[in-house]
Amino acid sequence: MEKLLPNNEHVVERVIRVVLGLGLLAIVFVGPQTPWGWVGLLPLVTGLVGSCPAYTLFGFSTCPAKK
């Protein structure tokens, strides 16, 4: 499972992604009520899981170096 979804996001980035995802999802239910808010699922899920597929694809990581 570690090869499929490696932990490649820093803790601060994960928090930002979850907050951003929840904020975008709120647009679906409150405010302008536009379906574009469903885009918030992507940062929400990647923030909760701690793995970004795009980072894995390009070999990028914001995690601190493992000792």
C-alpha atoms as a PDB file:
ATOM      1  CA  MET A   1       0.000   0.000   0.000  1.00  0.00           C
ATOM      2  CA  GLU A   2       2.954   2.300   0.658  1.00  0.00           C
ATOM      3  CA  LYS A   3       3.952   2.188  -3.026  1.00  0.00           C
ATOM      4  CA  LEU A   4       0.432   3.026  -4.184  1.00  0.00           C
ATOM      5  CA  LEU A   5      -0.233   5.830  -1.688  1.00  0.00           C
ATOM      6  CA  PRO A   6       3.088   6.972  -0.207  1.00  0.00           C
ATOM      7  CA  ASN A   7       2.944   9.634   2.478  1.00  0.00           C
ATOM      8  CA  ASN A   8       4.225  12.641   0.510  1.00  0.00           C
ATOM      9  CA  GLU A   9       2.526  15.650   2.147  1.00  0.00           C
ATOM     10  CA  HIS A  10       3.786  17.731   5.060  1.00  0.00           C
ATOM     11  CA  VAL A  11       1.468  18.067   8.064  1.00  0.00           C
ATOM     12  CA  VAL A  12       0.932  21.798   7.447  1.00  0.00           C
ATOM     13  CA  GLU A  13       0.048  21.134   3.812  1.00  0.00           C
ATOM     14  CA  ARG A  14      -2.415  18.438   4.872  1.00  0.00           C
ATOM     15  CA  VAL A  15      -4.192  20.859   7.217  1.00  0.00           C
ATOM     16  CA  ILE A  16      -4.374  23.494   4.483  1.00  0.00           C
ATOM     17  CA  ARG A  17      -5.797  20.965   2.023  1.00  0.00           C
ATOM     18  CA  VAL A  18      -8.477  19.801   4.472  1.00  0.00           C
ATOM     19  CA  VAL A  19      -9.526  23.380   5.300  1.00  0.00           C
ATOM     20  CA  LEU A  20      -9.563  24.342   1.615  1.00  0.00           C
ATOM     21  CA  GLY A  21     -11.550  21.220   0.720  1.00  0.00           C
ATOM     22  CA  LEU A  22     -14.141  21.873   3.418  1.00  0.00           C
ATOM     23  CA  GLY A  23     -14.393  25.506   2.331  1.00  0.00           C
ATOM     24  CA  LEU A  24     -15.008  24.534  -1.278  1.00  0.00           C
ATOM     25  CA  LEU A  25     -17.565  21.915  -0.287  1.00  0.00           C
ATOM     26  CA  ALA A  26     -19.404  24.555   1.742  1.00  0.00           C
ATOM     27  CA  ILE A  27     -20.018  26.417  -1.530  1.00  0.00           C
ATOM     28  CA  VAL A  28     -22.250  23.525  -2.622  1.00  0.00           C
ATOM     29  CA  PHE A  29     -24.556  23.843   0.366  1.00  0.00           C
ATOM     30  CA  VAL A  30     -24.189  27.480   1.514  1.00  0.00           C
ATOM     31  CA  GLY A  31     -23.652  30.698  -0.386  1.00  0.00           C
ATOM     32  CA  PRO A  32     -23.862  30.622  -4.181  1.00  0.00           C
ATOM     33  CA  GLN A  33     -24.711  26.875  -4.142  1.00  0.00           C
ATOM     34  CA  THR A  34     -22.741  26.102  -7.268  1.00  0.00           C
ATOM     35  CA  PRO A  35     -21.727  22.556  -8.243  1.00  0.00           C
ATOM     36  CA  TRP A  36     -18.124  23.738  -8.663  1.00  0.00           C
ATOM     37  CA  GLY A  37     -17.751  23.250  -4.922  1.00  0.00           C
ATOM     38  CA  TRP A  38     -17.540  19.486  -5.462  1.00  0.00           C
ATOM     39  CA  VAL A  39     -13.963  20.133  -6.625  1.00  0.00           C
ATOM     40  CA  GLY A  40     -13.242  20.461  -2.896  1.00  0.00           C
ATOM     41  CA  LEU A  41     -13.403  16.678  -2.571  1.00  0.00           C
ATOM     42  CA  LEU A  42      -9.964  16.357  -4.167  1.00  0.00           C
ATOM     43  CA  PRO A  43      -7.990  18.449  -1.650  1.00  0.00           C
ATOM     44  CA  LEU A  44     -10.103  17.086   1.203  1.00  0.00           C
ATOM     45  CA  VAL A  45      -9.384  13.432   0.374  1.00  0.00           C
ATOM     46  CA  THR A  46      -5.692  13.971  -0.391  1.00  0.00           C
ATOM     47  CA  GLY A  47      -5.311  15.932   2.838  1.00  0.00           C
ATOM     48  CA  LEU A  48      -6.997  13.236   4.913  1.00  0.00           C
ATOM     49  CA  VAL A  49      -5.037  10.406   3.278  1.00  0.00           C
ATOM     50  CA  GLY A  50      -1.709  12.291   3.260  1.00  0.00           C
ATOM     51  CA  SER A  51      -0.852  11.273  -0.275  1.00  0.00           C
ATOM     52  CA  CYS A  52      -1.161  13.280  -3.477  1.00  0.00           C
ATOM     53  CA  PRO A  53      -1.291  11.231  -6.708  1.00  0.00           C
ATOM     54  CA  ALA A  54       0.253  14.081  -8.704  1.00  0.00           C
ATOM     55  CA  TYR A  55       3.193  14.239  -6.271  1.00  0.00           C
ATOM     56  CA  THR A  56       3.659  10.480  -6.643  1.00  0.00           C
ATOM     57  CA  LEU A  57       3.525  10.716 -10.440  1.00  0.00           C
ATOM     58  CA  PHE A  58       6.221  13.410 -10.573  1.00  0.00           C
ATOM     59  CA  GLY A  59       8.313  12.043  -7.687  1.00  0.00           C
ATOM     60  CA  PHE A  60       7.746  15.133  -5.545  1.00  0.00           C
ATOM     61  CA  SER A  61       7.324  15.222  -1.767  1.00  0.00           C
ATOM     62  CA  THR A  62       6.884  17.928   0.855  1.00  0.00           C
ATOM     63  CA  CYS A  63       7.448  15.505   3.745  1.00  0.00           C
ATOM     64  CA  PRO A  64      10.541  16.006   5.850  1.00  0.00           C
ATOM     65  CA  ALA A  65      13.379  13.628   4.999  1.00  0.00           C
ATOM     66  CA  LYS A  66      13.147  10.278   6.768  1.00  0.00           C
ATOM     67  CA  LYS A  67      16.133   9.368   8.916  1.00  0.00           C
END
